[in-house]
Amino acid sequence: MVAVLIYPMNALAEDQLDRLRGLLAGRGIPFGMYVGKTPEDEAQVRGERMPAGSSNADYQARRRQIREAGQDITLIPPEERASRKAMRREGGQPRILLTNVKQLELLLTRGKDVGIFAEAPLEFLVFDEAHTFRGAQGAETACLIRRLRTFLRQGPAEVRHIATSATMAGAESPKPAQDFARRFFGVDAGPRHARPGGLRRAALERAPQRARRPPKMRSTCSPRS
């Protein structure tokens, strides 16, 4: 797993999942969404599964057929891990995971799920609608970020942290977003960029990766860890 994308609402995660289907179908990059409604077994997955080996062109052509027929069918590319068991399967972990804060915490505490992160070379940790992570919820989520990095045996500078928000940063005043990202992610060193645009974002850049070490879980949550 190289990227974890966190959304405050499942509707936002589902919207992004649909976009990833169109982008990654036929590309050979496994991805998945783990939220409360994610089915346990593949047999419970609702939708039409594209056959293995399907190309992106095959996926787009079939999606056009469904749209033109006015059908309400979810088209699932072969790369998508659409059930919890598929994501837990050894070698079946998604490279890109979409989830929410509650489910991320459960993934790190449930024995049957924690293997999803085993040996994960995490490179990107993304929080959408970052302005919603304020107060007690923001503090708890900041602690969760540190727990995730601790489990993966990665320091703050080894992951690229990205917070997106339409209200937090502006071209004239990026500092509030930079200060929030520094506290939220616990990254004190290295460049921090606030990039205004249609979707304003504050991004913290990561340092070069170090050699991987076996994951080890320990309890920690300090502002600078």
C-alpha atoms as a PDB file:
ATOM      1  CA  MET A   1       0.000   0.000   0.000  1.00  0.00           C
ATOM      2  CA  VAL A   2       1.490   3.305  -1.047  1.00  0.00           C
ATOM      3  CA  ALA A   3      -1.411   5.717  -0.539  1.00  0.00           C
ATOM      4  CA  VAL A   4      -4.207   6.124   2.020  1.00  0.00           C
ATOM      5  CA  LEU A   5      -6.937   8.654   1.266  1.00  0.00           C
ATOM      6  CA  ILE A   6      -9.136   9.707   4.200  1.00  0.00           C
ATOM      7  CA  TYR A   7     -12.575  11.248   3.714  1.00  0.00           C
ATOM      8  CA  PRO A   8     -14.893  12.732   6.374  1.00  0.00           C
ATOM      9  CA  MET A   9     -17.986  11.302   4.641  1.00  0.00           C
ATOM     10  CA  ASN A  10     -18.550   8.055   2.790  1.00  0.00           C
ATOM     11  CA  ALA A  11     -20.276   9.910  -0.047  1.00  0.00           C
ATOM     12  CA  LEU A  12     -17.009  11.692  -0.836  1.00  0.00           C
ATOM     13  CA  ALA A  13     -15.067   8.421  -0.743  1.00  0.00           C
ATOM     14  CA  GLU A  14     -17.608   6.763  -3.038  1.00  0.00           C
ATOM     15  CA  ASP A  15     -17.372   9.632  -5.514  1.00  0.00           C
ATOM     16  CA  GLN A  16     -13.591   9.317  -5.581  1.00  0.00           C
ATOM     17  CA  LEU A  17     -13.847   5.533  -5.935  1.00  0.00           C
ATOM     18  CA  ASP A  18     -15.876   5.972  -9.106  1.00  0.00           C
ATOM     19  CA  ARG A  19     -13.212   8.296 -10.487  1.00  0.00           C
ATOM     20  CA  LEU A  20     -10.454   5.807  -9.634  1.00  0.00           C
ATOM     21  CA  ARG A  21     -12.336   3.077 -11.457  1.00  0.00           C
ATOM     22  CA  GLY A  22     -12.230   5.120 -14.643  1.00  0.00           C
ATOM     23  CA  LEU A  23      -8.578   6.045 -14.175  1.00  0.00           C
ATOM     24  CA  LEU A  24      -7.136   2.712 -13.019  1.00  0.00           C
ATOM     25  CA  ALA A  25      -9.208   0.102 -14.847  1.00  0.00           C
ATOM     26  CA  GLY A  26      -6.819  -2.043 -16.862  1.00  0.00           C
ATOM     27  CA  ARG A  27      -3.723  -0.382 -15.365  1.00  0.00           C
ATOM     28  CA  GLY A  28      -2.746  -3.215 -13.037  1.00  0.00           C
ATOM     29  CA  ILE A  29      -2.815  -1.047  -9.891  1.00  0.00           C
ATOM     30  CA  PRO A  30      -4.999  -2.597  -7.157  1.00  0.00           C
ATOM     31  CA  PHE A  31      -7.185  -0.216  -5.178  1.00  0.00           C
ATOM     32  CA  GLY A  32     -10.159  -0.407  -2.848  1.00  0.00           C
ATOM     33  CA  MET A  33     -12.502   1.389  -0.469  1.00  0.00           C
ATOM     34  CA  TYR A  34     -12.836   0.204   3.123  1.00  0.00           C
ATOM     35  CA  VAL A  35     -15.797   1.828   4.889  1.00  0.00           C
ATOM     36  CA  GLY A  36     -18.617   0.510   7.055  1.00  0.00           C
ATOM     37  CA  LYS A  37     -20.654  -0.635   4.062  1.00  0.00           C
ATOM     38  CA  THR A  38     -17.806  -2.493   2.333  1.00  0.00           C
ATOM     39  CA  PRO A  39     -18.992  -6.117   1.877  1.00  0.00           C
ATOM     40  CA  GLU A  40     -17.271  -8.873   3.817  1.00  0.00           C
ATOM     41  CA  ASP A  41     -17.267 -11.427   0.988  1.00  0.00           C
ATOM     42  CA  GLU A  42     -16.909 -11.121  -2.764  1.00  0.00           C
ATOM     43  CA  ALA A  43     -20.283 -12.828  -3.160  1.00  0.00           C
ATOM     44  CA  GLN A  44     -21.907  -9.831  -1.444  1.00  0.00           C
ATOM     45  CA  VAL A  45     -20.417  -7.311  -3.862  1.00  0.00           C
ATOM     46  CA  ARG A  46     -23.111  -5.689  -5.960  1.00  0.00           C
ATOM     47  CA  GLY A  47     -22.225  -4.829  -9.514  1.00  0.00           C
ATOM     48  CA  GLU A  48     -20.710  -6.246 -12.673  1.00  0.00           C
ATOM     49  CA  ARG A  49     -17.124  -7.427 -12.438  1.00  0.00           C
ATOM     50  CA  MET A  50     -15.030  -6.938 -15.562  1.00  0.00           C
ATOM     51  CA  PRO A  51     -13.077 -10.082 -16.517  1.00  0.00           C
ATOM     52  CA  ALA A  52      -9.399 -10.344 -15.654  1.00  0.00           C
ATOM     53  CA  GLY A  53      -7.194  -8.864 -18.353  1.00  0.00           C
ATOM     54  CA  SER A  54      -9.723  -6.216 -19.365  1.00  0.00           C
ATOM     55  CA  SER A  55      -8.150  -3.012 -20.622  1.00  0.00           C
ATOM     56  CA  ASN A  56      -9.117   0.534 -19.768  1.00  0.00           C
ATOM     57  CA  ALA A  57     -10.678   0.801 -23.225  1.00  0.00           C
ATOM     58  CA  ASP A  58     -12.786  -2.291 -22.475  1.00  0.00           C
ATOM     59  CA  TYR A  59     -13.939  -0.723 -19.218  1.00  0.00           C
ATOM     60  CA  GLN A  60     -14.825   2.605 -20.818  1.00  0.00           C
ATOM     61  CA  ALA A  61     -16.686   0.902 -23.659  1.00  0.00           C
ATOM     62  CA  ARG A  62     -18.759  -1.205 -21.279  1.00  0.00           C
ATOM     63  CA  ARG A  63     -19.483   1.827 -19.103  1.00  0.00           C
ATOM     64  CA  ARG A  64     -20.771   3.702 -22.145  1.00  0.00           C
ATOM     65  CA  GLN A  65     -23.049   0.766 -22.966  1.00  0.00           C
ATOM     66  CA  ILE A  66     -24.476   0.818 -19.448  1.00  0.00           C
ATOM     67  CA  ARG A  67     -24.994   4.575 -19.552  1.00  0.00           C
ATOM     68  CA  GLU A  68     -26.642   4.535 -22.981  1.00  0.00           C
ATOM     69  CA  ALA A  69     -28.967   1.744 -21.878  1.00  0.00           C
ATOM     70  CA  GLY A  70     -30.013   3.787 -18.854  1.00  0.00           C
ATOM     71  CA  GLN A  71     -29.007   0.984 -16.501  1.00  0.00           C
ATOM     72  CA  ASP A  72     -28.003   1.428 -12.877  1.00  0.00           C
ATOM     73  CA  ILE A  73     -25.083  -0.991 -12.748  1.00  0.00           C
ATOM     74  CA  THR A  74     -21.833  -0.515 -10.861  1.00  0.00           C
ATOM     75  CA  LEU A  75     -18.987  -1.600 -13.120  1.00  0.00           C
ATOM     76  CA  ILE A  76     -16.069  -3.040 -11.165  1.00  0.00           C
ATOM     77  CA  PRO A  77     -12.653  -3.331 -12.835  1.00  0.00           C
ATOM     78  CA  PRO A  78     -10.463  -6.372 -12.118  1.00  0.00           C
ATOM     79  CA  GLU A  79      -8.015  -4.194 -10.157  1.00  0.00           C
ATOM     80  CA  GLU A  80     -10.593  -3.203  -7.542  1.00  0.00           C
ATOM     81  CA  ARG A  81     -10.568  -5.008  -4.185  1.00  0.00           C
ATOM     82  CA  ALA A  82     -14.290  -4.697  -3.536  1.00  0.00           C
ATOM     83  CA  SER A  83     -14.631  -6.859  -0.392  1.00  0.00           C
ATOM     84  CA  ARG A  84     -12.894  -6.963   2.968  1.00  0.00           C
ATOM     85  CA  LYS A  85     -11.699 -10.513   2.471  1.00  0.00           C
ATOM     86  CA  ALA A  86     -10.149  -9.567  -0.867  1.00  0.00           C
ATOM     87  CA  MET A  87      -8.169  -6.796   0.846  1.00  0.00           C
ATOM     88  CA  ARG A  88      -7.045  -9.076   3.688  1.00  0.00           C
ATOM     89  CA  ARG A  89      -5.851 -11.812   1.350  1.00  0.00           C
ATOM     90  CA  GLU A  90      -2.072 -12.107   1.293  1.00  0.00           C
ATOM     91  CA  GLY A  91      -0.808 -10.329  -1.774  1.00  0.00           C
ATOM     92  CA  GLY A  92      -4.254  -8.810  -2.340  1.00  0.00           C
ATOM     93  CA  GLN A  93      -3.762  -5.596  -0.399  1.00  0.00           C
ATOM     94  CA  PRO A  94      -4.716  -2.508  -2.383  1.00  0.00           C
ATOM     95  CA  ARG A  95      -1.990  -0.100  -3.407  1.00  0.00           C
ATOM     96  CA  ILE A  96      -4.443   2.764  -2.926  1.00  0.00           C
ATOM     97  CA  LEU A  97      -6.900   2.643  -0.028  1.00  0.00           C
ATOM     98  CA  LEU A  98      -9.904   4.936   0.429  1.00  0.00           C
ATOM     99  CA  THR A  99     -11.379   5.006   3.925  1.00  0.00           C
ATOM    100  CA  ASN A 100     -12.556   7.222   6.788  1.00  0.00           C
ATOM    101  CA  VAL A 101     -11.125   7.965  10.225  1.00  0.00           C
ATOM    102  CA  LYS A 102     -13.312   5.481  12.091  1.00  0.00           C
ATOM    103  CA  GLN A 103     -12.488   2.611   9.771  1.00  0.00           C
ATOM    104  CA  LEU A 104      -8.790   3.465   9.729  1.00  0.00           C
ATOM    105  CA  GLU A 105      -8.747   3.171  13.509  1.00  0.00           C
ATOM    106  CA  LEU A 106     -10.530  -0.185  13.332  1.00  0.00           C
ATOM    107  CA  LEU A 107      -8.101  -1.420  10.684  1.00  0.00           C
ATOM    108  CA  LEU A 108      -5.214  -0.679  13.045  1.00  0.00           C
ATOM    109  CA  THR A 109      -6.807  -2.421  16.036  1.00  0.00           C
ATOM    110  CA  ARG A 110      -8.553  -5.507  14.623  1.00  0.00           C
ATOM    111  CA  GLY A 111      -6.248  -8.458  14.306  1.00  0.00           C
ATOM    112  CA  LYS A 112      -7.932  -9.764  11.180  1.00  0.00           C
ATOM    113  CA  ASP A 113      -7.516  -6.434   9.382  1.00  0.00           C
ATOM    114  CA  VAL A 114      -4.159  -5.098  10.492  1.00  0.00           C
ATOM    115  CA  GLY A 115      -2.383  -7.279   7.930  1.00  0.00           C
ATOM    116  CA  ILE A 116      -3.667  -4.925   5.233  1.00  0.00           C
ATOM    117  CA  PHE A 117      -0.860  -2.592   6.297  1.00  0.00           C
ATOM    118  CA  ALA A 118       1.828  -5.252   6.713  1.00  0.00           C
ATOM    119  CA  GLU A 119       5.089  -4.124   5.100  1.00  0.00           C
ATOM    120  CA  ALA A 120       3.236  -1.233   3.467  1.00  0.00           C
ATOM    121  CA  PRO A 121       5.692   1.254   1.910  1.00  0.00           C
ATOM    122  CA  LEU A 122       3.338   4.168   2.573  1.00  0.00           C
ATOM    123  CA  GLU A 123       4.264   7.243   0.553  1.00  0.00           C
ATOM    124  CA  PHE A 124       1.101   9.359   0.585  1.00  0.00           C
ATOM    125  CA  LEU A 125      -1.367  10.141   3.367  1.00  0.00           C
ATOM    126  CA  VAL A 126      -4.193  12.369   2.137  1.00  0.00           C
ATOM    127  CA  PHE A 127      -6.989  14.022   4.107  1.00  0.00           C
ATOM    128  CA  ASP A 128      -9.860  15.528   2.131  1.00  0.00           C
ATOM    129  CA  GLU A 129     -11.895  18.413   3.583  1.00  0.00           C
ATOM    130  CA  ALA A 130      -9.169  18.931   6.160  1.00  0.00           C
ATOM    131  CA  HIS A 131     -10.948  21.931   7.702  1.00  0.00           C
ATOM    132  CA  THR A 132     -13.464  19.486   9.231  1.00  0.00           C
ATOM    133  CA  PHE A 133     -10.751  17.990  11.452  1.00  0.00           C
ATOM    134  CA  ARG A 134     -10.885  20.572  14.219  1.00  0.00           C
ATOM    135  CA  GLY A 135     -11.140  20.491  18.002  1.00  0.00           C
ATOM    136  CA  ALA A 136     -11.382  17.123  19.727  1.00  0.00           C
ATOM    137  CA  GLN A 137     -11.923  15.269  16.452  1.00  0.00           C
ATOM    138  CA  GLY A 138      -8.831  16.884  14.978  1.00  0.00           C
ATOM    139  CA  ALA A 139      -6.736  15.972  18.029  1.00  0.00           C
ATOM    140  CA  GLU A 140      -7.906  12.360  17.942  1.00  0.00           C
ATOM    141  CA  THR A 141      -7.236  12.127  14.215  1.00  0.00           C
ATOM    142  CA  ALA A 142      -3.758  13.622  14.652  1.00  0.00           C
ATOM    143  CA  CYS A 143      -3.069  10.885  17.199  1.00  0.00           C
ATOM    144  CA  LEU A 144      -4.304   8.269  14.741  1.00  0.00           C
ATOM    145  CA  ILE A 145      -1.899   9.586  12.100  1.00  0.00           C
ATOM    146  CA  ARG A 146       0.979   9.069  14.497  1.00  0.00           C
ATOM    147  CA  ARG A 147      -0.220   5.564  15.361  1.00  0.00           C
ATOM    148  CA  LEU A 148      -0.319   4.647  11.678  1.00  0.00           C
ATOM    149  CA  ARG A 149       3.210   5.871  11.092  1.00  0.00           C
ATOM    150  CA  THR A 150       4.403   4.086  14.228  1.00  0.00           C
ATOM    151  CA  PHE A 151       2.903   0.808  13.049  1.00  0.00           C
ATOM    152  CA  LEU A 152       4.620   1.213   9.699  1.00  0.00           C
ATOM    153  CA  ARG A 153       7.901   2.192  11.391  1.00  0.00           C
ATOM    154  CA  GLN A 154       8.028   5.401   9.380  1.00  0.00           C
ATOM    155  CA  GLY A 155       8.975   8.847  10.574  1.00  0.00           C
ATOM    156  CA  PRO A 156       7.053  12.030   9.723  1.00  0.00           C
ATOM    157  CA  ALA A 157       9.538  13.013   7.015  1.00  0.00           C
ATOM    158  CA  GLU A 158       9.153   9.693   5.170  1.00  0.00           C
ATOM    159  CA  VAL A 159       5.548  10.188   4.121  1.00  0.00           C
ATOM    160  CA  ARG A 160       4.127  12.906   1.919  1.00  0.00           C
ATOM    161  CA  HIS A 161       1.198  14.386   3.832  1.00  0.00           C
ATOM    162  CA  ILE A 162      -1.518  16.188   1.896  1.00  0.00           C
ATOM    163  CA  ALA A 163      -4.500  18.086   3.283  1.00  0.00           C
ATOM    164  CA  THR A 164      -7.100  19.438   0.870  1.00  0.00           C
ATOM    165  CA  SER A 165      -9.600  22.149   1.670  1.00  0.00           C
ATOM    166  CA  ALA A 166     -11.609  24.697  -0.289  1.00  0.00           C
ATOM    167  CA  THR A 167     -11.572  27.182   2.600  1.00  0.00           C
ATOM    168  CA  MET A 168      -8.371  26.781   4.570  1.00  0.00           C
ATOM    169  CA  ALA A 169      -5.740  28.489   2.380  1.00  0.00           C
ATOM    170  CA  GLY A 170      -5.616  31.423   0.032  1.00  0.00           C
ATOM    171  CA  ALA A 171      -3.041  32.836  -2.340  1.00  0.00           C
ATOM    172  CA  GLU A 172      -2.546  35.846  -0.072  1.00  0.00           C
ATOM    173  CA  SER A 173      -2.306  33.971   3.214  1.00  0.00           C
ATOM    174  CA  PRO A 174      -1.034  30.359   3.072  1.00  0.00           C
ATOM    175  CA  LYS A 175       0.326  30.431   6.631  1.00  0.00           C
ATOM    176  CA  PRO A 176      -2.899  29.266   8.412  1.00  0.00           C
ATOM    177  CA  ALA A 177      -2.969  26.137   6.248  1.00  0.00           C
ATOM    178  CA  GLN A 178       0.736  25.519   6.765  1.00  0.00           C
ATOM    179  CA  ASP A 179       0.402  25.875  10.535  1.00  0.00           C
ATOM    180  CA  PHE A 180      -2.592  23.547  10.604  1.00  0.00           C
ATOM    181  CA  ALA A 181      -0.791  20.907   8.539  1.00  0.00           C
ATOM    182  CA  ARG A 182       2.308  21.158  10.740  1.00  0.00           C
ATOM    183  CA  ARG A 183       0.287  20.495  13.905  1.00  0.00           C
ATOM    184  CA  PHE A 184      -2.099  17.973  12.372  1.00  0.00           C
ATOM    185  CA  PHE A 185       0.544  15.804  10.723  1.00  0.00           C
ATOM    186  CA  GLY A 186       3.299  16.462  13.261  1.00  0.00           C
ATOM    187  CA  VAL A 187       5.800  17.442  10.584  1.00  0.00           C
ATOM    188  CA  ASP A 188       8.121  20.180  11.775  1.00  0.00           C
ATOM    189  CA  ALA A 189      10.920  20.028   9.234  1.00  0.00           C
ATOM    190  CA  GLY A 190      11.099  20.256   5.489  1.00  0.00           C
ATOM    191  CA  PRO A 191       9.156  22.354   2.975  1.00  0.00           C
ATOM    192  CA  ARG A 192       5.464  22.987   3.443  1.00  0.00           C
ATOM    193  CA  HIS A 193       3.503  24.285   0.476  1.00  0.00           C
ATOM    194  CA  ALA A 194       0.050  25.816   0.287  1.00  0.00           C
ATOM    195  CA  ARG A 195      -1.203  25.719  -3.281  1.00  0.00           C
ATOM    196  CA  PRO A 196      -4.323  27.801  -3.954  1.00  0.00           C
ATOM    197  CA  GLY A 197      -6.559  26.760  -6.799  1.00  0.00           C
ATOM    198  CA  GLY A 198      -9.972  25.321  -7.573  1.00  0.00           C
ATOM    199  CA  LEU A 199      -9.264  23.018  -4.660  1.00  0.00           C
ATOM    200  CA  ARG A 200      -6.840  24.629  -2.240  1.00  0.00           C
ATOM    201  CA  ARG A 201      -4.371  22.308  -0.635  1.00  0.00           C
ATOM    202  CA  ALA A 202      -1.629  22.376   1.923  1.00  0.00           C
ATOM    203  CA  ALA A 203       0.988  19.734   1.202  1.00  0.00           C
ATOM    204  CA  LEU A 204       3.929  18.620   3.294  1.00  0.00           C
ATOM    205  CA  GLU A 205       6.720  17.053   1.308  1.00  0.00           C
ATOM    206  CA  ARG A 206       8.407  13.841   2.405  1.00  0.00           C
ATOM    207  CA  ALA A 207      12.103  13.043   2.578  1.00  0.00           C
ATOM    208  CA  PRO A 208      13.682  10.170   0.613  1.00  0.00           C
ATOM    209  CA  GLN A 209      12.587   6.758   1.817  1.00  0.00           C
ATOM    210  CA  ARG A 210      14.817   4.688   4.053  1.00  0.00           C
ATOM    211  CA  ALA A 211      15.234   0.913   4.126  1.00  0.00           C
ATOM    212  CA  ARG A 212      12.114  -0.954   5.179  1.00  0.00           C
ATOM    213  CA  ARG A 213      11.908  -2.550   8.618  1.00  0.00           C
ATOM    214  CA  PRO A 214       9.362  -5.053   9.911  1.00  0.00           C
ATOM    215  CA  PRO A 215       6.265  -3.288  11.292  1.00  0.00           C
ATOM    216  CA  LYS A 216       5.998  -3.083  15.042  1.00  0.00           C
ATOM    217  CA  MET A 217       3.004  -1.684  16.926  1.00  0.00           C
ATOM    218  CA  ARG A 218       3.469   0.454  19.956  1.00  0.00           C
ATOM    219  CA  SER A 219       1.239   3.008  21.606  1.00  0.00           C
ATOM    220  CA  THR A 220       2.294   6.607  21.083  1.00  0.00           C
ATOM    221  CA  CYS A 221       0.754   9.973  20.496  1.00  0.00           C
ATOM    222  CA  SER A 222       2.833  13.066  20.979  1.00  0.00           C
ATOM    223  CA  PRO A 223       2.619  16.351  19.093  1.00  0.00           C
ATOM    224  CA  ARG A 224       6.007  15.854  17.486  1.00  0.00           C
ATOM    225  CA  SER A 225       6.009  12.112  16.839  1.00  0.00           C
END
